[in-house]
Amino acid sequence: MEPVLLLPLAAFIALAAASLIILRRAGRLIASSREIQGFRATVRDLDQRIGISLDGAAQRIDAVRRQQLPAEGLGDTVAATADAIKRYTDEARALKGPPEAEAIARDIVSDLDRAKRAIDMVEHGATILESVRRGGRELEAQTSIKRGYLNLIHAREAIARHAARAEALDASRSSRRSWQSLAPELTDVPDDASNHTM
């Protein structure tokens, strides 16, 4: 075979290999983008449902705390909220996403555990309040309900912040490392021309 024919063939093979590399990396970027979009949508939905449950419970607990409602009616609210928190925790543990989303999922689980402890504290206070209406135990009950209420509010706010972090995830940042080897940043190339005098 003549060398004149080998040169275009070699160029074609090199171009085909480069195109294959670029297409594979573009495919990874698209897959990462889809994964992040799915994670965002799941976290957004979970956050909305958590908000409805915890905000509703917090309003009812606050009414008991302010003595606008009797403590006897709080048992159903506490039981329903504890059950909802357990379901949400299971969902948060099952969240799938890119590596940078794992920390968000762990933080959501952690704050759901915090919300569960807050509900347990409210339940403890409500139980005491139902059984004893006078003396030092009433103060203990009120303190327990107040602390549980505040911890529930703080857990809800933290979960909302984690959902905002999920919305801020950027697919291009997670895939940037795979593209850098193909096209390094221009700022990484030393500029020797500026050191030369004419």
Protein backbone atom coordinates (compact mmCIF):
# COMPACT_ATOMS: atom_id res chain seq x y z
CA MET A 1 0.00 0.00 0.00
CA GLU A 2 1.29 3.44 -0.86
CA PRO A 3 2.17 5.91 1.92
CA VAL A 4 -0.08 8.52 0.30
CA LEU A 5 -3.11 6.28 1.00
CA LEU A 6 -2.03 5.45 4.56
CA LEU A 7 -2.04 9.06 5.71
CA PRO A 8 -5.79 9.72 5.10
CA LEU A 9 -6.64 6.28 6.55
CA ALA A 10 -4.66 7.05 9.72
CA ALA A 11 -6.34 10.46 9.99
CA PHE A 12 -9.78 8.86 9.61
CA ILE A 13 -9.03 6.29 12.35
CA ALA A 14 -7.76 9.04 14.69
CA LEU A 15 -10.85 11.16 14.02
CA ALA A 16 -13.16 8.17 14.60
CA ALA A 17 -11.41 7.36 17.90
CA ALA A 18 -11.66 10.97 19.09
CA SER A 19 -15.35 11.07 18.12
CA LEU A 20 -15.99 7.87 20.06
CA ILE A 21 -14.31 9.29 23.17
CA ILE A 22 -16.31 12.51 22.93
CA LEU A 23 -19.60 10.64 22.45
CA ARG A 24 -18.93 8.37 25.43
CA ARG A 25 -18.19 11.34 27.66
CA ALA A 26 -21.23 13.22 26.41
CA GLY A 27 -23.30 10.12 27.23
CA ARG A 28 -21.93 10.15 30.78
CA LEU A 29 -22.83 13.83 31.11
CA ILE A 30 -26.39 13.17 29.94
CA ALA A 31 -26.75 10.19 32.27
CA SER A 32 -25.43 12.23 35.20
CA SER A 33 -27.81 15.06 34.35
CA ARG A 34 -30.78 12.67 34.29
CA GLU A 35 -29.70 11.12 37.58
CA ILE A 36 -29.47 14.52 39.25
CA GLN A 37 -32.83 15.62 37.83
CA GLY A 38 -34.44 12.45 39.17
CA PHE A 39 -32.82 12.97 42.59
CA ARG A 40 -34.00 16.60 42.69
CA ALA A 41 -37.58 15.64 41.82
CA THR A 42 -37.66 12.88 44.44
CA VAL A 43 -36.23 15.13 47.16
CA ARG A 44 -38.61 17.96 46.20
CA ASP A 45 -41.61 15.63 46.52
CA LEU A 46 -40.34 14.17 49.80
CA ASP A 47 -39.69 17.66 51.21
CA GLN A 48 -43.22 18.80 50.36
CA ARG A 49 -44.79 15.80 52.05
CA ILE A 50 -42.52 16.14 55.09
CA GLY A 51 -43.45 19.81 55.30
CA ILE A 52 -47.18 19.08 55.28
CA SER A 53 -46.84 16.46 58.03
CA LEU A 54 -44.42 18.30 60.30
CA ASP A 55 -45.98 21.73 59.87
CA GLY A 56 -49.43 20.35 60.67
CA ALA A 57 -48.12 18.56 63.75
CA ALA A 58 -46.21 21.65 64.87
CA GLN A 59 -49.35 23.80 64.67
CA ARG A 60 -51.29 21.34 66.79
CA ILE A 61 -48.44 20.97 69.32
CA ASP A 62 -48.10 24.75 69.54
CA ALA A 63 -51.83 25.06 70.30
CA VAL A 64 -51.43 22.55 73.17
CA ARG A 65 -48.29 24.33 74.33
CA ARG A 66 -50.19 27.63 74.46
CA GLN A 67 -53.07 25.82 76.24
CA GLN A 68 -55.49 26.58 73.40
CA LEU A 69 -56.20 22.85 72.97
CA PRO A 70 -56.25 20.07 75.58
CA ALA A 71 -53.31 17.66 75.71
CA GLU A 72 -55.66 14.68 75.38
CA GLY A 73 -56.10 15.25 71.65
CA LEU A 74 -52.38 15.28 70.97
CA GLY A 75 -52.00 11.48 71.07
CA ASP A 76 -53.47 10.93 67.60
CA THR A 77 -51.34 13.71 66.11
CA VAL A 78 -48.18 12.30 67.68
CA ALA A 79 -48.94 8.76 66.48
CA ALA A 80 -49.73 9.86 62.92
CA THR A 81 -46.64 12.07 62.75
CA ALA A 82 -44.36 9.33 64.13
CA ASP A 83 -45.72 6.91 61.51
CA ALA A 84 -45.21 9.46 58.73
CA ILE A 85 -41.64 10.17 59.89
CA LYS A 86 -40.85 6.45 59.79
CA ARG A 87 -42.12 6.20 56.19
CA TYR A 88 -40.21 9.32 55.15
CA THR A 89 -37.04 7.98 56.77
CA ASP A 90 -37.35 4.74 54.80
CA GLU A 91 -37.82 6.76 51.59
CA ALA A 92 -34.82 8.98 52.36
CA ARG A 93 -32.63 5.93 53.01
CA ALA A 94 -33.64 4.56 49.61
CA LEU A 95 -32.74 7.76 47.73
CA LYS A 96 -30.47 7.12 44.76
CA GLY A 97 -28.33 9.74 43.11
CA PRO A 98 -24.82 10.75 42.15
CA PRO A 99 -22.05 10.64 44.77
CA GLU A 100 -22.50 14.29 45.71
CA ALA A 101 -26.16 13.59 46.55
CA GLU A 102 -25.31 10.92 49.13
CA ALA A 103 -24.47 13.53 51.78
CA ILE A 104 -27.82 15.23 51.21
CA ALA A 105 -29.70 11.95 51.64
CA ARG A 106 -27.75 11.17 54.85
CA ASP A 107 -28.52 14.64 56.22
CA ILE A 108 -32.24 14.25 55.48
CA VAL A 109 -32.26 10.91 57.35
CA SER A 110 -30.40 12.50 60.25
CA ASP A 111 -32.89 15.35 60.56
CA LEU A 112 -35.84 12.97 60.25
CA ASP A 113 -34.35 11.09 63.21
CA ARG A 114 -34.18 14.43 65.00
CA ALA A 115 -37.86 15.03 64.19
CA LYS A 116 -38.72 11.57 65.58
CA ARG A 117 -36.91 12.37 68.84
CA ALA A 118 -38.81 15.67 69.00
CA ILE A 119 -42.14 13.86 68.58
CA ASP A 120 -41.14 11.39 71.30
CA MET A 121 -40.38 14.32 73.60
CA VAL A 122 -43.79 15.87 72.87
CA GLU A 123 -45.47 12.52 73.54
CA HIS A 124 -43.65 12.26 76.87
CA GLY A 125 -44.81 15.74 77.87
CA ALA A 126 -48.39 15.13 76.72
CA THR A 127 -48.56 11.88 78.69
CA ILE A 128 -47.42 13.64 81.85
CA LEU A 129 -49.81 16.53 81.23
CA GLU A 130 -52.77 14.17 80.84
CA SER A 131 -52.04 12.36 84.10
CA VAL A 132 -50.92 15.19 86.37
CA ARG A 133 -52.37 18.68 86.30
CA ARG A 134 -50.67 20.22 89.32
CA GLY A 135 -47.21 20.61 90.80
CA GLY A 136 -43.71 20.19 89.40
CA ARG A 137 -44.70 17.49 86.92
CA GLU A 138 -46.85 19.98 85.01
CA LEU A 139 -43.81 22.21 84.55
CA GLU A 140 -41.81 19.18 83.34
CA ALA A 141 -44.58 18.34 80.87
CA GLN A 142 -44.75 21.90 79.51
CA THR A 143 -40.95 22.00 79.15
CA SER A 144 -40.93 18.67 77.33
CA ILE A 145 -43.65 19.79 74.91
CA LYS A 146 -41.91 23.11 74.28
CA ARG A 147 -38.53 21.49 73.61
CA GLY A 148 -40.10 18.90 71.36
CA TYR A 149 -41.97 21.61 69.45
CA LEU A 150 -38.81 23.68 68.93
CA ASN A 151 -36.76 20.64 67.87
CA LEU A 152 -39.51 19.69 65.41
CA ILE A 153 -39.42 23.19 63.89
CA HIS A 154 -35.61 23.11 63.63
CA ALA A 155 -35.66 19.66 62.02
CA ARG A 156 -38.22 20.87 59.46
CA GLU A 157 -36.10 23.92 58.63
CA ALA A 158 -32.98 21.76 58.23
CA ILE A 159 -34.79 19.36 55.87
CA ALA A 160 -35.93 22.33 53.76
CA ARG A 161 -32.27 23.45 53.54
CA HIS A 162 -31.23 19.97 52.39
CA ALA A 163 -33.91 20.08 49.69
CA ALA A 164 -32.51 23.45 48.55
CA ARG A 165 -29.04 21.86 48.37
CA ALA A 166 -30.49 19.11 46.17
CA GLU A 167 -31.98 21.74 43.85
CA ALA A 168 -28.55 23.38 43.59
CA LEU A 169 -26.79 20.19 42.41
CA ASP A 170 -25.12 20.78 39.06
CA ALA A 171 -24.66 17.95 36.56
CA SER A 172 -21.93 19.77 34.66
CA ARG A 173 -19.79 20.07 37.79
CA SER A 174 -19.98 16.36 38.57
CA SER A 175 -18.97 15.42 35.02
CA ARG A 176 -16.37 18.14 34.62
CA ARG A 177 -13.56 15.87 35.71
CA SER A 178 -14.24 13.49 32.84
CA TRP A 179 -14.10 16.35 30.32
CA GLN A 180 -10.95 17.94 31.76
CA SER A 181 -8.67 15.21 30.51
CA LEU A 182 -10.01 15.74 27.00
CA ALA A 183 -9.74 19.54 26.97
CA PRO A 184 -7.57 20.97 29.76
CA GLU A 185 -8.23 24.50 30.97
CA LEU A 186 -6.31 27.18 29.10
CA THR A 187 -5.29 28.70 32.40
CA ASP A 188 -3.32 25.53 33.18
CA VAL A 189 -1.03 26.09 30.19
CA PRO A 190 1.99 28.27 31.10
CA ASP A 191 2.22 31.49 29.16
CA ASP A 192 5.86 31.77 28.11
CA ALA A 193 5.10 34.39 25.47
CA SER A 194 4.57 37.09 28.08
CA ASN A 195 8.10 36.56 29.43
CA HIS A 196 9.81 37.22 26.11
CA THR A 197 10.92 40.70 25.13
CA MET A 198 10.84 41.83 21.53
